[in-house]
């Protein structure tokens, strides 16, 4: 029974991944002076294995397809939405994520308790 579930899950990961996680550049990718490159940093660099980069003090995630967002297969299949996984330990990445999240949640018409649940 478990192997049947594994096969069904793998099929759903592939189906959802193609439908929800594959990036195709559009006009929005080139806003804010990004005429010559995608502001979402696509295509990604192909990376054979995940590893820790001591020079940049960061986790580099495996990337087999440069046009697919980094994703968690369980979140993808069970929630069925696009998402982007990043390892944000501290520094510029954490600050950038904080500003992105605060800008994103304050542009919507939501209640304070709803915003806090997002953090």
N, C-alpha and C. Protein backbone atom coordinates (compact mmCIF):
# COMPACT_ATOMS: atom_id res chain seq x y z
N UNK A 1 0.83 -1.20 0.00
CA UNK A 1 0.00 0.00 0.00
C UNK A 1 0.87 1.25 0.00
N UNK A 2 1.95 1.24 0.78
CA UNK A 2 2.81 2.43 0.86
C UNK A 2 3.46 2.75 -0.47
N UNK A 3 3.90 1.73 -1.20
CA UNK A 3 4.54 2.00 -2.49
C UNK A 3 3.54 2.58 -3.48
N UNK A 4 2.28 2.18 -3.40
CA UNK A 4 1.25 2.77 -4.25
C UNK A 4 1.06 4.24 -3.88
N UNK A 5 1.09 4.53 -2.57
CA UNK A 5 0.97 5.92 -2.13
C UNK A 5 2.17 6.73 -2.61
N UNK A 6 3.38 6.16 -2.49
CA UNK A 6 4.59 6.84 -2.95
C UNK A 6 4.51 7.19 -4.44
N UNK A 7 4.02 6.24 -5.25
CA UNK A 7 3.89 6.49 -6.69
C UNK A 7 2.87 7.58 -6.96
N UNK A 8 1.74 7.52 -6.26
CA UNK A 8 0.69 8.54 -6.45
C UNK A 8 1.20 9.92 -6.01
N UNK A 9 1.95 9.95 -4.91
CA UNK A 9 2.49 11.22 -4.42
C UNK A 9 3.50 11.79 -5.41
N UNK A 10 4.39 10.95 -5.93
CA UNK A 10 5.39 11.41 -6.91
C UNK A 10 4.71 11.96 -8.16
N UNK A 11 3.64 11.32 -8.58
CA UNK A 11 2.89 11.80 -9.74
C UNK A 11 2.29 13.18 -9.45
N UNK A 12 1.73 13.35 -8.26
CA UNK A 12 1.14 14.64 -7.88
C UNK A 12 2.20 15.73 -7.77
N UNK A 13 3.39 15.39 -7.25
CA UNK A 13 4.47 16.38 -7.17
C UNK A 13 4.82 16.86 -8.57
N UNK A 14 4.95 15.95 -9.50
CA UNK A 14 5.28 16.33 -10.89
C UNK A 14 4.18 17.17 -11.51
N UNK A 15 2.92 16.74 -11.31
CA UNK A 15 1.79 17.47 -11.90
C UNK A 15 1.67 18.87 -11.32
N UNK A 16 1.72 18.98 -9.99
CA UNK A 16 1.62 20.28 -9.34
C UNK A 16 2.84 21.14 -9.62
N UNK A 17 4.00 20.52 -9.67
CA UNK A 17 5.22 21.26 -9.95
C UNK A 17 5.17 21.94 -11.30
N UNK A 18 4.74 21.22 -12.32
CA UNK A 18 4.62 21.81 -13.66
C UNK A 18 3.58 22.91 -13.69
N UNK A 19 2.46 22.70 -13.03
CA UNK A 19 1.37 23.67 -13.07
C UNK A 19 1.62 24.90 -12.21
N UNK A 20 2.34 24.73 -11.09
CA UNK A 20 2.42 25.81 -10.11
C UNK A 20 3.82 26.39 -9.88
N UNK A 21 4.85 25.63 -10.13
CA UNK A 21 6.20 26.07 -9.74
C UNK A 21 7.09 26.50 -10.90
N UNK A 22 6.71 26.21 -12.13
CA UNK A 22 7.56 26.57 -13.27
C UNK A 22 7.40 28.05 -13.59
N UNK A 23 8.52 28.75 -13.70
CA UNK A 23 8.52 30.19 -13.98
C UNK A 23 8.63 30.45 -15.49
N UNK A 24 7.78 31.33 -15.96
CA UNK A 24 7.86 31.83 -17.32
C UNK A 24 7.92 33.34 -17.22
N UNK A 25 8.97 33.94 -17.75
CA UNK A 25 9.10 35.39 -17.65
C UNK A 25 7.95 36.10 -18.36
N UNK A 26 7.46 37.15 -17.68
CA UNK A 26 6.39 38.00 -18.20
C UNK A 26 6.83 39.45 -17.99
N UNK A 27 5.98 40.38 -18.37
CA UNK A 27 6.32 41.80 -18.24
C UNK A 27 6.65 42.17 -16.79
N UNK A 28 5.96 41.57 -15.83
CA UNK A 28 6.18 41.90 -14.42
C UNK A 28 7.61 41.55 -13.97
N UNK A 29 8.24 40.63 -14.67
CA UNK A 29 9.61 40.22 -14.33
C UNK A 29 10.62 41.33 -14.63
N UNK A 30 10.25 42.27 -15.45
CA UNK A 30 11.19 43.29 -15.92
C UNK A 30 10.84 44.69 -15.45
N UNK A 31 10.04 44.79 -14.37
CA UNK A 31 9.72 46.08 -13.77
C UNK A 31 10.91 46.61 -12.98
N UNK A 32 10.84 47.87 -12.62
CA UNK A 32 11.81 48.50 -11.72
C UNK A 32 13.23 48.49 -12.26
N UNK A 33 13.38 48.73 -13.55
CA UNK A 33 14.71 48.83 -14.14
C UNK A 33 15.38 47.51 -14.44
N UNK A 34 14.64 46.44 -14.43
CA UNK A 34 15.20 45.11 -14.74
C UNK A 34 14.90 44.74 -16.18
N UNK A 35 15.26 45.63 -17.10
CA UNK A 35 14.95 45.40 -18.51
C UNK A 35 15.68 44.21 -19.10
N UNK A 36 16.92 43.99 -18.67
CA UNK A 36 17.75 42.96 -19.29
C UNK A 36 17.80 41.65 -18.51
N UNK A 37 17.13 41.58 -17.34
CA UNK A 37 17.14 40.33 -16.57
C UNK A 37 15.85 40.19 -15.78
N UNK A 38 15.55 38.99 -15.38
CA UNK A 38 14.36 38.70 -14.58
C UNK A 38 14.61 39.15 -13.14
N UNK A 39 13.72 39.97 -12.59
CA UNK A 39 13.93 40.45 -11.22
C UNK A 39 13.72 39.36 -10.18
N UNK A 40 13.16 38.22 -10.59
CA UNK A 40 13.00 37.07 -9.69
C UNK A 40 14.17 36.10 -9.80
N UNK A 41 15.21 36.52 -10.50
CA UNK A 41 16.48 35.80 -10.61
C UNK A 41 16.37 34.46 -11.35
N UNK A 42 15.50 34.42 -12.34
CA UNK A 42 15.43 33.24 -13.21
C UNK A 42 16.22 33.53 -14.47
N UNK A 43 16.84 32.55 -15.05
CA UNK A 43 16.90 31.16 -14.59
C UNK A 43 17.88 31.00 -13.44
N UNK A 44 17.59 30.03 -12.55
CA UNK A 44 18.49 29.71 -11.45
C UNK A 44 19.72 29.00 -12.00
N UNK A 45 20.78 29.02 -11.22
CA UNK A 45 21.97 28.24 -11.56
C UNK A 45 21.71 26.77 -11.22
N UNK A 46 22.08 25.88 -12.11
CA UNK A 46 21.94 24.44 -11.85
C UNK A 46 22.99 24.04 -10.82
N UNK A 47 22.53 23.37 -9.75
CA UNK A 47 23.41 22.93 -8.66
C UNK A 47 23.14 21.45 -8.43
N UNK A 48 24.18 20.63 -8.51
CA UNK A 48 24.03 19.17 -8.44
C UNK A 48 23.57 18.67 -7.06
N UNK A 49 24.13 19.24 -5.98
CA UNK A 49 23.76 18.81 -4.63
C UNK A 49 23.67 20.03 -3.71
N UNK A 50 22.80 19.96 -2.73
CA UNK A 50 22.71 21.02 -1.73
C UNK A 50 23.99 21.02 -0.90
N UNK A 51 24.43 22.20 -0.51
CA UNK A 51 25.66 22.28 0.30
C UNK A 51 25.73 23.63 1.01
N UNK A 52 26.65 23.71 1.95
CA UNK A 52 26.91 24.96 2.66
C UNK A 52 28.10 25.64 2.02
N UNK A 53 27.93 26.91 1.65
CA UNK A 53 29.00 27.70 1.04
C UNK A 53 29.65 28.56 2.12
N UNK A 54 30.87 28.22 2.50
CA UNK A 54 31.57 28.94 3.57
C UNK A 54 31.91 30.37 3.16
N UNK A 55 32.14 30.61 1.87
CA UNK A 55 32.49 31.96 1.41
C UNK A 55 31.35 32.95 1.61
N UNK A 56 30.13 32.51 1.35
CA UNK A 56 28.97 33.40 1.50
C UNK A 56 28.19 33.12 2.77
N UNK A 57 28.61 32.11 3.54
CA UNK A 57 27.95 31.73 4.78
C UNK A 57 26.47 31.43 4.54
N UNK A 58 26.19 30.64 3.49
CA UNK A 58 24.81 30.37 3.14
C UNK A 58 24.62 28.92 2.68
N UNK A 59 23.38 28.48 2.76
CA UNK A 59 23.00 27.16 2.27
C UNK A 59 22.62 27.31 0.80
N UNK A 60 23.23 26.51 -0.05
CA UNK A 60 22.93 26.51 -1.48
C UNK A 60 22.10 25.26 -1.76
N UNK A 61 20.87 25.46 -2.24
CA UNK A 61 19.97 24.34 -2.47
C UNK A 61 20.20 23.71 -3.84
N UNK A 62 20.03 22.40 -3.91
CA UNK A 62 20.13 21.68 -5.17
C UNK A 62 19.11 22.26 -6.15
N UNK A 63 19.50 22.39 -7.41
CA UNK A 63 18.61 22.89 -8.45
C UNK A 63 18.86 22.10 -9.72
N UNK A 64 17.90 21.29 -10.11
CA UNK A 64 18.03 20.47 -11.30
C UNK A 64 17.39 21.13 -12.53
N UNK A 65 16.48 22.06 -12.29
CA UNK A 65 15.79 22.74 -13.38
C UNK A 65 15.82 24.24 -13.11
N UNK A 66 16.49 25.03 -13.93
CA UNK A 66 16.67 26.45 -13.65
C UNK A 66 15.40 27.30 -13.76
N UNK A 67 14.30 26.72 -14.24
CA UNK A 67 13.06 27.50 -14.38
C UNK A 67 12.01 27.12 -13.34
N UNK A 68 12.39 26.34 -12.33
CA UNK A 68 11.44 25.90 -11.30
C UNK A 68 11.82 26.51 -9.96
N UNK A 69 10.81 27.08 -9.26
CA UNK A 69 11.02 27.59 -7.91
C UNK A 69 11.46 26.47 -6.98
N UNK A 70 12.25 26.81 -5.98
CA UNK A 70 12.59 25.86 -4.93
C UNK A 70 11.30 25.60 -4.14
N UNK A 71 10.98 24.33 -3.91
CA UNK A 71 9.70 24.03 -3.25
C UNK A 71 9.81 22.83 -2.34
N UNK A 72 8.84 22.72 -1.44
CA UNK A 72 8.70 21.57 -0.56
C UNK A 72 7.60 20.70 -1.16
N UNK A 73 7.88 19.43 -1.47
CA UNK A 73 6.87 18.61 -2.14
C UNK A 73 5.59 18.41 -1.33
N UNK A 74 5.70 18.36 -0.01
CA UNK A 74 4.51 18.16 0.82
C UNK A 74 3.63 19.42 0.84
N UNK A 75 4.27 20.58 0.97
CA UNK A 75 3.51 21.83 0.92
C UNK A 75 2.86 21.97 -0.45
N UNK A 76 3.59 21.64 -1.49
CA UNK A 76 3.08 21.76 -2.85
C UNK A 76 1.84 20.89 -3.07
N UNK A 77 1.92 19.62 -2.73
CA UNK A 77 0.82 18.70 -3.00
C UNK A 77 -0.37 18.95 -2.08
N UNK A 78 -0.12 19.16 -0.80
CA UNK A 78 -1.24 19.27 0.13
C UNK A 78 -1.88 20.65 0.16
N UNK A 79 -1.13 21.70 -0.15
CA UNK A 79 -1.71 23.05 -0.17
C UNK A 79 -2.04 23.52 -1.58
N UNK A 80 -1.38 22.95 -2.57
CA UNK A 80 -1.62 23.24 -3.98
C UNK A 80 -1.53 24.74 -4.30
N UNK A 81 -0.39 25.30 -3.95
CA UNK A 81 -0.11 26.69 -4.31
C UNK A 81 1.38 26.83 -4.61
N UNK A 82 1.71 27.88 -5.35
CA UNK A 82 3.13 28.10 -5.63
C UNK A 82 3.80 28.70 -4.40
N UNK A 83 5.05 28.39 -4.22
CA UNK A 83 5.83 28.94 -3.11
C UNK A 83 7.30 28.82 -3.47
N UNK A 84 8.12 29.51 -2.72
CA UNK A 84 9.56 29.52 -2.98
C UNK A 84 10.27 29.30 -1.65
N UNK A 85 11.03 28.23 -1.54
CA UNK A 85 11.76 27.91 -0.32
C UNK A 85 13.15 28.53 -0.38
N UNK A 86 13.53 29.22 0.68
CA UNK A 86 14.87 29.78 0.79
C UNK A 86 15.36 29.58 2.21
N UNK A 87 16.65 29.41 2.37
CA UNK A 87 17.25 29.33 3.69
C UNK A 87 17.71 30.74 4.06
N UNK A 88 17.04 31.35 5.04
CA UNK A 88 17.36 32.72 5.44
C UNK A 88 17.85 32.66 6.89
N UNK A 89 19.15 32.74 7.06
CA UNK A 89 19.71 32.62 8.40
C UNK A 89 19.80 33.96 9.10
N UNK A 90 20.30 34.99 8.43
CA UNK A 90 20.44 36.31 9.03
C UNK A 90 20.95 37.27 7.97
N UNK A 91 21.26 38.47 8.39
CA UNK A 91 21.88 39.44 7.50
C UNK A 91 20.95 39.99 6.44
N UNK A 92 21.51 40.24 5.25
CA UNK A 92 20.76 40.88 4.18
C UNK A 92 19.54 40.06 3.75
N UNK A 93 19.70 38.74 3.70
CA UNK A 93 18.59 37.89 3.29
C UNK A 93 17.41 37.99 4.24
N UNK A 94 17.69 37.99 5.53
CA UNK A 94 16.63 38.09 6.53
C UNK A 94 15.97 39.46 6.47
N UNK A 95 16.77 40.50 6.32
CA UNK A 95 16.22 41.85 6.23
C UNK A 95 15.35 42.00 4.97
N UNK A 96 15.82 41.48 3.86
CA UNK A 96 15.06 41.55 2.61
C UNK A 96 13.73 40.80 2.76
N UNK A 97 13.76 39.63 3.40
CA UNK A 97 12.53 38.86 3.60
C UNK A 97 11.57 39.61 4.51
N UNK A 98 12.08 40.23 5.56
CA UNK A 98 11.23 40.98 6.48
C UNK A 98 10.53 42.13 5.75
N UNK A 99 11.28 42.88 4.94
CA UNK A 99 10.68 43.98 4.19
C UNK A 99 9.67 43.46 3.16
N UNK A 100 10.00 42.37 2.49
CA UNK A 100 9.08 41.81 1.50
C UNK A 100 7.76 41.40 2.16
N UNK A 101 7.85 40.67 3.27
CA UNK A 101 6.64 40.21 3.95
C UNK A 101 5.84 41.39 4.48
N UNK A 102 6.50 42.37 5.10
CA UNK A 102 5.76 43.51 5.63
C UNK A 102 5.13 44.34 4.52
N UNK A 103 5.83 44.53 3.39
CA UNK A 103 5.23 45.23 2.26
C UNK A 103 4.05 44.46 1.70
N UNK A 104 4.20 43.16 1.60
CA UNK A 104 3.16 42.33 1.01
C UNK A 104 1.90 42.34 1.87
N UNK A 105 2.05 42.17 3.16
CA UNK A 105 0.85 42.07 4.01
C UNK A 105 0.21 43.42 4.27
N UNK A 106 0.96 44.50 4.16
CA UNK A 106 0.35 45.81 4.41
C UNK A 106 -0.35 46.37 3.18
N UNK A 107 -0.13 45.81 2.02
CA UNK A 107 -0.83 46.30 0.83
C UNK A 107 -2.23 45.70 0.71
N UNK A 108 -2.50 44.67 1.50
CA UNK A 108 -3.82 44.03 1.45
C UNK A 108 -4.71 44.60 2.54
N UNK A 109 -6.00 44.48 2.32
CA UNK A 109 -6.97 44.93 3.31
C UNK A 109 -7.28 43.79 4.27
N UNK A 110 -6.38 43.59 5.25
CA UNK A 110 -6.56 42.52 6.22
C UNK A 110 -6.49 43.08 7.63
N UNK A 111 -7.03 42.35 8.55
CA UNK A 111 -7.03 42.74 9.96
C UNK A 111 -5.67 42.46 10.58
N UNK A 112 -5.36 43.16 11.66
CA UNK A 112 -4.07 43.00 12.33
C UNK A 112 -3.83 41.56 12.77
N UNK A 113 -4.84 40.92 13.35
CA UNK A 113 -4.66 39.54 13.82
C UNK A 113 -4.39 38.59 12.64
N UNK A 114 -4.92 38.91 11.47
CA UNK A 114 -4.64 38.08 10.31
C UNK A 114 -3.21 38.27 9.84
N UNK A 115 -2.72 39.51 9.90
CA UNK A 115 -1.33 39.78 9.52
C UNK A 115 -0.37 39.07 10.46
N UNK A 116 -0.65 39.12 11.76
CA UNK A 116 0.24 38.50 12.73
C UNK A 116 0.30 36.98 12.55
N UNK A 117 -0.79 36.39 12.12
CA UNK A 117 -0.78 34.94 11.91
C UNK A 117 0.11 34.56 10.74
N UNK A 118 0.38 35.48 9.81
CA UNK A 118 1.27 35.22 8.68
C UNK A 118 2.72 35.19 9.10
N UNK A 119 3.06 35.89 10.18
CA UNK A 119 4.45 35.94 10.64
C UNK A 119 4.71 34.76 11.48
